[in-house]
Amino acid sequence: MQITVTIPELETERLILRAYDDARDLDRFAAFMETEASRFFMGPMDRYGTWRLGCAIMGHWMRNGYGLLAIEEKSTGEFAGLTGVWEAETWPHPELAWMLTQDKEGNGYATEAAHRARDYIFNDLNWTSLVSAIEEDNAGSMKVADRLGAEPDFDHTRPSGIKVIYYRHPAPETVQ
């Protein structure tokens, strides 16, 4: 049996947002996920755990018709992180998520990638509402949310006990 899923390829000035691919992305993704810096993105975890997460990322597209996209830096072709929609069973809403490998932080890539992903979600998937769930001590992601024009909307405690703040993104008609 073969399952075909259409995953878009989106571009910005400096980035390509595309389907996650183990052959191209696993080494850099696993190296990041083994570090403490991955704590806001389901980590740390070993390479096998990262491989399983990659399978979940691909399966999310099959299950929902949307999901996370790999962020590729155009100038190097390197995997730089992930952005897109992630939805979990126990979460009140699907969220626009983003993460960058440590060596790609500080370039504005998270904001650039998330902005393009948000445009896709609003314009191509026709969503009218969108949030991002950010752990209360993740100052970096809060800054990205602020740059995207998102504002704190409500708090939620996940079954794991982790408290997140849901940031509401501006409605499509207000997004420029």
N, C-alpha and C. Protein backbone atom coordinates (compact mmCIF):
# COMPACT_ATOMS: atom_id res chain seq x y z
N MET A 1 0.85 -1.18 0.00
CA MET A 1 0.00 0.00 0.00
C MET A 1 0.89 1.24 0.00
N GLN A 2 0.51 2.21 -0.77
CA GLN A 2 1.22 3.47 -0.79
C GLN A 2 0.23 4.58 -0.49
N ILE A 3 0.64 5.49 0.38
CA ILE A 3 -0.18 6.64 0.73
C ILE A 3 0.49 7.87 0.17
N THR A 4 -0.27 8.68 -0.53
CA THR A 4 0.27 9.91 -1.10
C THR A 4 -0.29 11.10 -0.34
N VAL A 5 0.60 11.94 0.12
CA VAL A 5 0.22 13.15 0.84
C VAL A 5 0.89 14.33 0.14
N THR A 6 0.14 15.37 -0.10
CA THR A 6 0.71 16.57 -0.70
C THR A 6 1.15 17.51 0.40
N ILE A 7 2.45 17.75 0.46
CA ILE A 7 3.02 18.67 1.43
C ILE A 7 3.58 19.84 0.65
N PRO A 8 3.15 21.05 0.98
CA PRO A 8 3.59 22.19 0.17
C PRO A 8 5.07 22.50 0.37
N GLU A 9 5.64 23.17 -0.60
CA GLU A 9 6.96 23.77 -0.45
C GLU A 9 6.76 25.27 -0.53
N LEU A 10 7.14 25.95 0.52
CA LEU A 10 6.95 27.39 0.63
C LEU A 10 8.31 28.06 0.68
N GLU A 11 8.39 29.28 0.22
CA GLU A 11 9.67 29.99 0.23
C GLU A 11 9.54 31.36 0.84
N THR A 12 10.65 31.81 1.40
CA THR A 12 10.82 33.19 1.82
C THR A 12 12.10 33.67 1.13
N GLU A 13 12.51 34.85 1.42
CA GLU A 13 13.73 35.37 0.81
C GLU A 13 14.94 34.47 1.11
N ARG A 14 15.02 33.95 2.35
CA ARG A 14 16.21 33.21 2.75
C ARG A 14 15.98 31.74 3.06
N LEU A 15 14.72 31.30 3.04
CA LEU A 15 14.39 29.97 3.52
C LEU A 15 13.49 29.21 2.56
N ILE A 16 13.58 27.89 2.64
CA ILE A 16 12.63 27.00 1.99
C ILE A 16 11.95 26.21 3.11
N LEU A 17 10.63 26.17 3.10
CA LEU A 17 9.85 25.36 4.04
C LEU A 17 9.34 24.18 3.23
N ARG A 18 9.70 22.97 3.65
CA ARG A 18 9.43 21.78 2.85
C ARG A 18 9.16 20.59 3.74
N ALA A 19 8.81 19.47 3.11
CA ALA A 19 8.58 18.24 3.85
C ALA A 19 9.84 17.82 4.60
N TYR A 20 9.66 17.36 5.84
CA TYR A 20 10.76 16.80 6.61
C TYR A 20 11.21 15.52 5.92
N ASP A 21 12.53 15.30 5.86
CA ASP A 21 13.10 14.15 5.18
C ASP A 21 14.25 13.59 6.01
N ASP A 22 14.07 12.38 6.54
CA ASP A 22 15.11 11.76 7.38
C ASP A 22 16.48 11.77 6.71
N ALA A 23 16.53 11.44 5.44
CA ALA A 23 17.81 11.32 4.75
C ALA A 23 18.57 12.64 4.76
N ARG A 24 17.86 13.75 4.67
CA ARG A 24 18.49 15.07 4.63
C ARG A 24 18.59 15.72 6.00
N ASP A 25 17.65 15.44 6.88
CA ASP A 25 17.47 16.25 8.08
C ASP A 25 17.82 15.58 9.41
N LEU A 26 17.81 14.24 9.45
CA LEU A 26 17.92 13.56 10.75
C LEU A 26 19.21 13.89 11.49
N ASP A 27 20.34 13.94 10.83
CA ASP A 27 21.60 14.19 11.55
C ASP A 27 21.56 15.52 12.31
N ARG A 28 21.18 16.59 11.63
CA ARG A 28 21.15 17.91 12.30
C ARG A 28 20.01 17.98 13.33
N PHE A 29 18.85 17.40 12.99
CA PHE A 29 17.72 17.40 13.93
C PHE A 29 18.08 16.63 15.18
N ALA A 30 18.66 15.45 15.04
CA ALA A 30 19.04 14.63 16.20
C ALA A 30 20.10 15.32 17.05
N ALA A 31 21.08 15.96 16.41
CA ALA A 31 22.12 16.66 17.17
C ALA A 31 21.49 17.76 18.04
N PHE A 32 20.51 18.47 17.49
CA PHE A 32 19.81 19.50 18.27
C PHE A 32 18.98 18.87 19.38
N MET A 33 18.23 17.83 19.05
CA MET A 33 17.31 17.23 20.03
C MET A 33 18.04 16.58 21.21
N GLU A 34 19.31 16.28 21.06
CA GLU A 34 20.09 15.71 22.17
C GLU A 34 20.53 16.77 23.17
N THR A 35 20.35 18.04 22.85
CA THR A 35 20.80 19.12 23.73
C THR A 35 19.68 19.64 24.63
N GLU A 36 20.07 20.31 25.67
CA GLU A 36 19.11 20.93 26.58
C GLU A 36 18.31 22.03 25.88
N ALA A 37 18.84 22.60 24.81
CA ALA A 37 18.13 23.65 24.07
C ALA A 37 16.83 23.14 23.47
N SER A 38 16.68 21.83 23.34
CA SER A 38 15.46 21.25 22.76
C SER A 38 14.33 21.10 23.78
N ARG A 39 14.55 21.54 25.01
CA ARG A 39 13.57 21.32 26.09
C ARG A 39 12.19 21.90 25.78
N PHE A 40 12.12 22.93 24.96
CA PHE A 40 10.82 23.51 24.62
C PHE A 40 10.19 22.82 23.42
N PHE A 41 10.87 21.82 22.87
CA PHE A 41 10.36 21.10 21.71
C PHE A 41 10.45 19.60 21.94
N MET A 42 9.87 19.13 23.04
CA MET A 42 9.75 17.71 23.36
C MET A 42 11.07 17.04 23.71
N GLY A 43 12.15 17.77 23.86
CA GLY A 43 13.45 17.17 24.15
C GLY A 43 13.86 17.36 25.58
N PRO A 44 15.06 17.00 25.88
CA PRO A 44 16.01 16.29 25.04
C PRO A 44 15.60 14.83 24.82
N MET A 45 16.12 14.30 23.72
CA MET A 45 15.90 12.89 23.40
C MET A 45 17.07 12.39 22.55
N ASP A 46 17.23 11.07 22.53
CA ASP A 46 18.32 10.50 21.76
C ASP A 46 17.96 10.43 20.27
N ARG A 47 18.90 9.96 19.47
CA ARG A 47 18.70 9.90 18.02
C ARG A 47 17.49 9.04 17.65
N TYR A 48 17.31 7.91 18.33
CA TYR A 48 16.17 7.06 18.03
C TYR A 48 14.86 7.78 18.35
N GLY A 49 14.82 8.50 19.45
CA GLY A 49 13.64 9.28 19.78
C GLY A 49 13.36 10.35 18.73
N THR A 50 14.42 10.96 18.23
CA THR A 50 14.27 11.97 17.18
C THR A 50 13.78 11.34 15.89
N TRP A 51 14.28 10.16 15.58
CA TRP A 51 13.79 9.45 14.39
C TRP A 51 12.30 9.18 14.52
N ARG A 52 11.87 8.74 15.71
CA ARG A 52 10.44 8.49 15.94
C ARG A 52 9.64 9.79 15.82
N LEU A 53 10.19 10.88 16.34
CA LEU A 53 9.51 12.18 16.21
C LEU A 53 9.38 12.56 14.74
N GLY A 54 10.41 12.31 13.95
CA GLY A 54 10.33 12.57 12.52
C GLY A 54 9.21 11.77 11.87
N CYS A 55 9.06 10.51 12.29
CA CYS A 55 7.95 9.68 11.78
C CYS A 55 6.60 10.29 12.18
N ALA A 56 6.52 10.80 13.40
CA ALA A 56 5.28 11.45 13.85
C ALA A 56 4.99 12.70 13.03
N ILE A 57 6.03 13.46 12.72
CA ILE A 57 5.86 14.67 11.91
C ILE A 57 5.26 14.30 10.55
N MET A 58 5.81 13.26 9.93
CA MET A 58 5.29 12.83 8.63
C MET A 58 3.88 12.25 8.76
N GLY A 59 3.64 11.49 9.81
CA GLY A 59 2.31 10.92 10.04
C GLY A 59 1.26 11.97 10.32
N HIS A 60 1.66 13.06 10.96
CA HIS A 60 0.73 14.16 11.24
C HIS A 60 0.14 14.70 9.95
N TRP A 61 0.98 14.81 8.91
CA TRP A 61 0.48 15.26 7.61
C TRP A 61 -0.55 14.28 7.06
N MET A 62 -0.29 12.99 7.19
CA MET A 62 -1.23 11.97 6.69
C MET A 62 -2.54 12.01 7.44
N ARG A 63 -2.45 12.19 8.73
CA ARG A 63 -3.65 12.19 9.58
C ARG A 63 -4.50 13.44 9.39
N ASN A 64 -3.84 14.62 9.28
CA ASN A 64 -4.57 15.88 9.34
C ASN A 64 -4.58 16.70 8.05
N GLY A 65 -3.65 16.40 7.15
CA GLY A 65 -3.55 17.21 5.94
C GLY A 65 -2.77 18.50 6.15
N TYR A 66 -2.16 18.64 7.31
CA TYR A 66 -1.28 19.76 7.64
C TYR A 66 -0.31 19.28 8.70
N GLY A 67 0.74 20.08 8.91
CA GLY A 67 1.73 19.67 9.90
C GLY A 67 2.94 20.58 9.90
N LEU A 68 4.03 20.05 10.41
CA LEU A 68 5.28 20.80 10.48
C LEU A 68 6.06 20.65 9.19
N LEU A 69 6.75 21.72 8.84
CA LEU A 69 7.63 21.75 7.67
C LEU A 69 9.06 21.95 8.14
N ALA A 70 9.98 21.31 7.46
CA ALA A 70 11.40 21.54 7.72
C ALA A 70 11.76 22.93 7.20
N ILE A 71 12.58 23.62 7.95
CA ILE A 71 13.11 24.91 7.52
C ILE A 71 14.51 24.64 6.96
N GLU A 72 14.70 25.00 5.71
CA GLU A 72 16.00 24.83 5.06
C GLU A 72 16.57 26.20 4.74
N GLU A 73 17.78 26.42 5.13
CA GLU A 73 18.47 27.66 4.82
C GLU A 73 18.90 27.61 3.36
N LYS A 74 18.43 28.57 2.54
CA LYS A 74 18.74 28.56 1.11
C LYS A 74 20.24 28.64 0.84
N SER A 75 20.94 29.45 1.58
CA SER A 75 22.36 29.69 1.28
C SER A 75 23.24 28.47 1.53
N THR A 76 22.82 27.57 2.43
CA THR A 76 23.65 26.41 2.77
C THR A 76 22.98 25.08 2.44
N GLY A 77 21.65 25.07 2.30
CA GLY A 77 20.91 23.83 2.12
C GLY A 77 20.74 23.06 3.40
N GLU A 78 21.13 23.66 4.53
CA GLU A 78 21.07 22.95 5.82
C GLU A 78 19.69 23.03 6.46
N PHE A 79 19.34 21.94 7.16
CA PHE A 79 18.17 21.91 8.03
C PHE A 79 18.41 22.93 9.14
N ALA A 80 17.46 23.85 9.30
CA ALA A 80 17.59 24.91 10.30
C ALA A 80 16.55 24.80 11.40
N GLY A 81 15.53 23.96 11.22
CA GLY A 81 14.48 23.84 12.23
C GLY A 81 13.18 23.37 11.62
N LEU A 82 12.10 23.68 12.32
CA LEU A 82 10.75 23.28 11.91
C LEU A 82 9.78 24.42 12.17
N THR A 83 8.73 24.48 11.38
CA THR A 83 7.63 25.39 11.63
C THR A 83 6.38 24.81 10.99
N GLY A 84 5.23 25.26 11.43
CA GLY A 84 3.95 24.81 10.88
C GLY A 84 2.98 24.51 12.00
N VAL A 85 1.97 23.71 11.67
CA VAL A 85 0.91 23.41 12.63
C VAL A 85 1.17 22.07 13.30
N TRP A 86 1.05 22.05 14.60
CA TRP A 86 1.14 20.82 15.38
C TRP A 86 -0.10 20.73 16.24
N GLU A 87 -0.68 19.56 16.29
CA GLU A 87 -1.90 19.35 17.07
C GLU A 87 -1.75 18.05 17.86
N ALA A 88 -1.99 18.13 19.15
CA ALA A 88 -1.92 16.94 19.99
C ALA A 88 -3.28 16.67 20.63
N GLU A 89 -3.52 15.44 20.95
CA GLU A 89 -4.82 15.01 21.46
C GLU A 89 -5.28 15.82 22.68
N THR A 90 -4.39 16.14 23.57
CA THR A 90 -4.80 16.77 24.83
C THR A 90 -4.73 18.29 24.80
N TRP A 91 -4.39 18.87 23.66
CA TRP A 91 -4.28 20.32 23.56
C TRP A 91 -5.62 20.92 23.16
N PRO A 92 -5.96 22.10 23.66
CA PRO A 92 -7.25 22.70 23.31
C PRO A 92 -7.35 23.18 21.87
N HIS A 93 -6.21 23.46 21.23
CA HIS A 93 -6.21 23.97 19.85
C HIS A 93 -4.94 23.50 19.14
N PRO A 94 -5.01 23.34 17.81
CA PRO A 94 -3.76 23.17 17.06
C PRO A 94 -2.97 24.47 17.15
N GLU A 95 -1.65 24.35 17.05
CA GLU A 95 -0.84 25.56 17.22
C GLU A 95 0.15 25.75 16.08
N LEU A 96 0.44 27.01 15.82
CA LEU A 96 1.55 27.37 14.94
C LEU A 96 2.80 27.26 15.80
N ALA A 97 3.68 26.35 15.42
CA ALA A 97 4.90 26.10 16.19
C ALA A 97 6.13 26.47 15.37
N TRP A 98 7.24 26.67 16.05
CA TRP A 98 8.52 26.91 15.40
C TRP A 98 9.63 26.49 16.34
N MET A 99 10.72 26.03 15.75
CA MET A 99 11.94 25.76 16.50
C MET A 99 13.11 25.86 15.54
N LEU A 100 14.24 26.32 16.06
CA LEU A 100 15.46 26.43 15.27
C LEU A 100 16.58 25.69 15.96
N THR A 101 17.49 25.14 15.16
CA THR A 101 18.71 24.59 15.73
C THR A 101 19.51 25.77 16.30
N GLN A 102 20.29 25.49 17.33
CA GLN A 102 20.99 26.57 18.04
C GLN A 102 21.88 27.40 17.12
N ASP A 103 22.52 26.79 16.17
CA ASP A 103 23.45 27.53 15.31
C ASP A 103 22.75 28.44 14.31
N LYS A 104 21.42 28.34 14.20
CA LYS A 104 20.67 29.18 13.27
C LYS A 104 19.88 30.28 13.99
N GLU A 105 19.96 30.30 15.32
CA GLU A 105 19.25 31.33 16.08
C GLU A 105 19.92 32.69 15.88
N GLY A 106 19.13 33.75 16.07
CA GLY A 106 19.67 35.10 16.00
C GLY A 106 19.70 35.70 14.61
N ASN A 107 19.12 35.00 13.63
CA ASN A 107 19.09 35.50 12.26
C ASN A 107 17.70 35.95 11.82
N GLY A 108 16.71 35.86 12.71
CA GLY A 108 15.34 36.19 12.34
C GLY A 108 14.63 35.08 11.59
N TYR A 109 15.25 33.90 11.52
CA TYR A 109 14.65 32.79 10.76
C TYR A 109 13.33 32.30 11.36
N ALA A 110 13.23 32.24 12.67
CA ALA A 110 11.99 31.75 13.28
C ALA A 110 10.82 32.64 12.90
N THR A 111 11.01 33.94 12.99
CA THR A 111 9.94 34.87 12.63
C THR A 111 9.62 34.77 11.15
N GLU A 112 10.64 34.74 10.31
CA GLU A 112 10.45 34.66 8.86
C GLU A 112 9.71 33.38 8.47
N ALA A 113 10.13 32.26 9.02
CA ALA A 113 9.51 30.98 8.69
C ALA A 113 8.08 30.89 9.23
N ALA A 114 7.88 31.30 10.48
CA ALA A 114 6.54 31.22 11.08
C ALA A 114 5.58 32.17 10.37
N HIS A 115 6.05 33.33 9.96
CA HIS A 115 5.20 34.27 9.23
C HIS A 115 4.73 33.64 7.91
N ARG A 116 5.64 32.99 7.19
CA ARG A 116 5.26 32.34 5.92
C ARG A 116 4.32 31.18 6.17
N ALA A 117 4.58 30.39 7.22
CA ALA A 117 3.69 29.28 7.56
C ALA A 117 2.31 29.81 7.93
N ARG A 118 2.26 30.89 8.69
CA ARG A 118 0.97 31.47 9.07
C ARG A 118 0.20 31.95 7.85
N ASP A 119 0.89 32.58 6.91
CA ASP A 119 0.22 33.00 5.67
C ASP A 119 -0.40 31.80 4.96
N TYR A 120 0.34 30.70 4.90
CA TYR A 120 -0.17 29.48 4.28
C TYR A 120 -1.42 28.96 5.02
N ILE A 121 -1.36 28.95 6.34
CA ILE A 121 -2.47 28.45 7.14
C ILE A 121 -3.73 29.30 6.92
N PHE A 122 -3.57 30.60 6.95
CA PHE A 122 -4.72 31.49 6.75
C PHE A 122 -5.20 31.49 5.30
N ASN A 123 -4.30 31.60 4.36
CA ASN A 123 -4.69 31.81 2.96
C ASN A 123 -4.97 30.53 2.18
N ASP A 124 -4.22 29.47 2.46
CA ASP A 124 -4.39 28.23 1.69
C ASP A 124 -5.26 27.20 2.42
N LEU A 125 -5.14 27.15 3.74
CA LEU A 125 -5.98 26.23 4.52
C LEU A 125 -7.28 26.90 4.95
N ASN A 126 -7.36 28.21 4.78
CA ASN A 126 -8.57 29.00 5.08
C ASN A 126 -8.96 28.98 6.55
N TRP A 127 -7.97 28.91 7.43
CA TRP A 127 -8.27 29.03 8.85
C TRP A 127 -8.55 30.49 9.16
N THR A 128 -9.39 30.72 10.16
CA THR A 128 -9.71 32.09 10.56
C THR A 128 -9.18 32.43 11.95
N SER A 129 -8.61 31.44 12.61
CA SER A 129 -8.08 31.65 13.96
C SER A 129 -6.84 30.78 14.13
N LEU A 130 -5.87 31.28 14.87
CA LEU A 130 -4.63 30.54 15.05
C LEU A 130 -3.94 30.98 16.33
N VAL A 131 -3.40 30.01 17.06
CA VAL A 131 -2.68 30.28 18.30
C VAL A 131 -1.31 29.61 18.26
N SER A 132 -0.45 30.05 19.17
CA SER A 132 0.83 29.39 19.42
C SER A 132 0.92 29.14 20.92
N ALA A 133 1.25 27.92 21.31
CA ALA A 133 1.39 27.55 22.72
C ALA A 133 2.85 27.68 23.10
N ILE A 134 3.13 28.54 24.07
CA ILE A 134 4.52 28.82 24.45
C ILE A 134 4.67 28.60 25.96
N GLU A 135 5.66 27.77 26.32
CA GLU A 135 5.91 27.53 27.74
C GLU A 135 6.28 28.85 28.41
N GLU A 136 5.83 29.00 29.66
CA GLU A 136 5.93 30.29 30.33
C GLU A 136 7.36 30.80 30.53
N ASP A 137 8.36 29.95 30.41
CA ASP A 137 9.75 30.42 30.56
C ASP A 137 10.51 30.42 29.23
N ASN A 138 9.80 30.36 28.11
CA ASN A 138 10.44 30.36 26.79
C ASN A 138 10.43 31.79 26.22
N ALA A 139 11.33 32.60 26.73
CA ALA A 139 11.38 34.02 26.35
C ALA A 139 11.66 34.20 24.86
N GLY A 140 12.47 33.35 24.27
CA GLY A 140 12.79 33.47 22.84
C GLY A 140 11.55 33.33 21.97
N SER A 141 10.73 32.32 22.25
CA SER A 141 9.51 32.13 21.46
C SER A 141 8.50 33.23 21.73
N MET A 142 8.48 33.76 22.94
CA MET A 142 7.58 34.88 23.22
C MET A 142 7.95 36.09 22.37
N LYS A 143 9.26 36.31 22.17
CA LYS A 143 9.70 37.42 21.32
C LYS A 143 9.27 37.20 19.87
N VAL A 144 9.37 35.96 19.40
CA VAL A 144 8.91 35.66 18.04
C VAL A 144 7.41 35.94 17.93
N ALA A 145 6.64 35.47 18.91
CA ALA A 145 5.19 35.71 18.89
C ALA A 145 4.89 37.20 18.86
N ASP A 146 5.62 37.96 19.66
CA ASP A 146 5.43 39.42 19.66
C ASP A 146 5.72 40.01 18.28
N ARG A 147 6.82 39.57 17.65
CA ARG A 147 7.18 40.09 16.32
C ARG A 147 6.13 39.72 15.28
N LEU A 148 5.42 38.61 15.50
CA LEU A 148 4.36 38.19 14.59
C LEU A 148 3.03 38.89 14.88
N GLY A 149 3.00 39.71 15.93
CA GLY A 149 1.78 40.42 16.29
C GLY A 149 0.81 39.60 17.12
N ALA A 150 1.24 38.44 17.61
CA ALA A 150 0.39 37.60 18.46
C ALA A 150 0.38 38.15 19.88
N GLU A 151 -0.72 37.95 20.57
CA GLU A 151 -0.86 38.46 21.93
C GLU A 151 -1.32 37.35 22.87
N PRO A 152 -0.85 37.39 24.14
CA PRO A 152 -1.31 36.37 25.10
C PRO A 152 -2.83 36.35 25.19
N ASP A 153 -3.40 35.14 25.15
CA ASP A 153 -4.85 35.00 25.14
C ASP A 153 -5.34 34.20 26.36
N PHE A 154 -4.74 33.03 26.61
CA PHE A 154 -5.15 32.23 27.76
C PHE A 154 -4.04 31.26 28.12
N ASP A 155 -4.10 30.77 29.37
CA ASP A 155 -3.14 29.79 29.87
C ASP A 155 -3.76 28.40 29.83
N HIS A 156 -2.89 27.40 29.75
CA HIS A 156 -3.34 26.01 29.75
C HIS A 156 -2.26 25.17 30.40
N THR A 157 -2.68 24.22 31.22
CA THR A 157 -1.73 23.28 31.80
C THR A 157 -1.92 21.94 31.12
N ARG A 158 -0.86 21.45 30.51
CA ARG A 158 -0.90 20.17 29.82
C ARG A 158 -0.93 19.04 30.84
N PRO A 159 -1.38 17.85 30.43
CA PRO A 159 -1.42 16.72 31.36
C PRO A 159 -0.06 16.43 32.02
N SER A 160 1.02 16.79 31.36
CA SER A 160 2.36 16.59 31.92
C SER A 160 2.66 17.58 33.05
N GLY A 161 1.79 18.57 33.24
CA GLY A 161 1.99 19.58 34.26
C GLY A 161 2.67 20.84 33.74
N ILE A 162 3.06 20.86 32.48
CA ILE A 162 3.71 22.02 31.89
C ILE A 162 2.66 23.09 31.59
N LYS A 163 2.93 24.30 32.09
CA LYS A 163 2.02 25.41 31.84
C LYS A 163 2.45 26.14 30.58
N VAL A 164 1.50 26.39 29.68
CA VAL A 164 1.77 27.13 28.46
C VAL A 164 0.84 28.34 28.37
N ILE A 165 1.33 29.34 27.70
CA ILE A 165 0.52 30.53 27.41
C ILE A 165 0.17 30.45 25.93
N TYR A 166 -1.10 30.52 25.62
CA TYR A 166 -1.54 30.53 24.23
C TYR A 166 -1.57 31.97 23.74
N TYR A 167 -0.79 32.20 22.69
CA TYR A 167 -0.75 33.50 22.03
C TYR A 167 -1.68 33.43 20.82
N ARG A 168 -2.57 34.40 20.71
CA ARG A 168 -3.51 34.46 19.59
C ARG A 168 -2.90 35.33 18.49
N HIS A 169 -2.87 34.79 17.29
CA HIS A 169 -2.35 35.53 16.13
C HIS A 169 -3.44 36.44 15.59
N PRO A 170 -3.03 37.55 14.97
CA PRO A 170 -4.03 38.46 14.39
C PRO A 170 -4.88 37.73 13.35
N ALA A 171 -6.13 38.08 13.30
CA ALA A 171 -7.05 37.48 12.33
C ALA A 171 -6.55 37.77 10.92
N PRO A 172 -6.88 36.90 9.96
CA PRO A 172 -6.36 37.05 8.60
C PRO A 172 -6.56 38.43 7.99
N GLU A 173 -7.70 39.05 8.24
CA GLU A 173 -7.95 40.35 7.62
C GLU A 173 -7.05 41.45 8.18
N THR A 174 -6.41 41.19 9.35
CA THR A 174 -5.51 42.19 9.92
C THR A 174 -4.06 41.89 9.65
N VAL A 175 -3.77 40.70 9.10
CA VAL A 175 -2.39 40.31 8.81
C VAL A 175 -1.96 40.92 7.49
N GLN A 176 -0.83 41.57 7.49
CA GLN A 176 -0.31 42.20 6.25
C GLN A 176 0.80 41.38 5.69
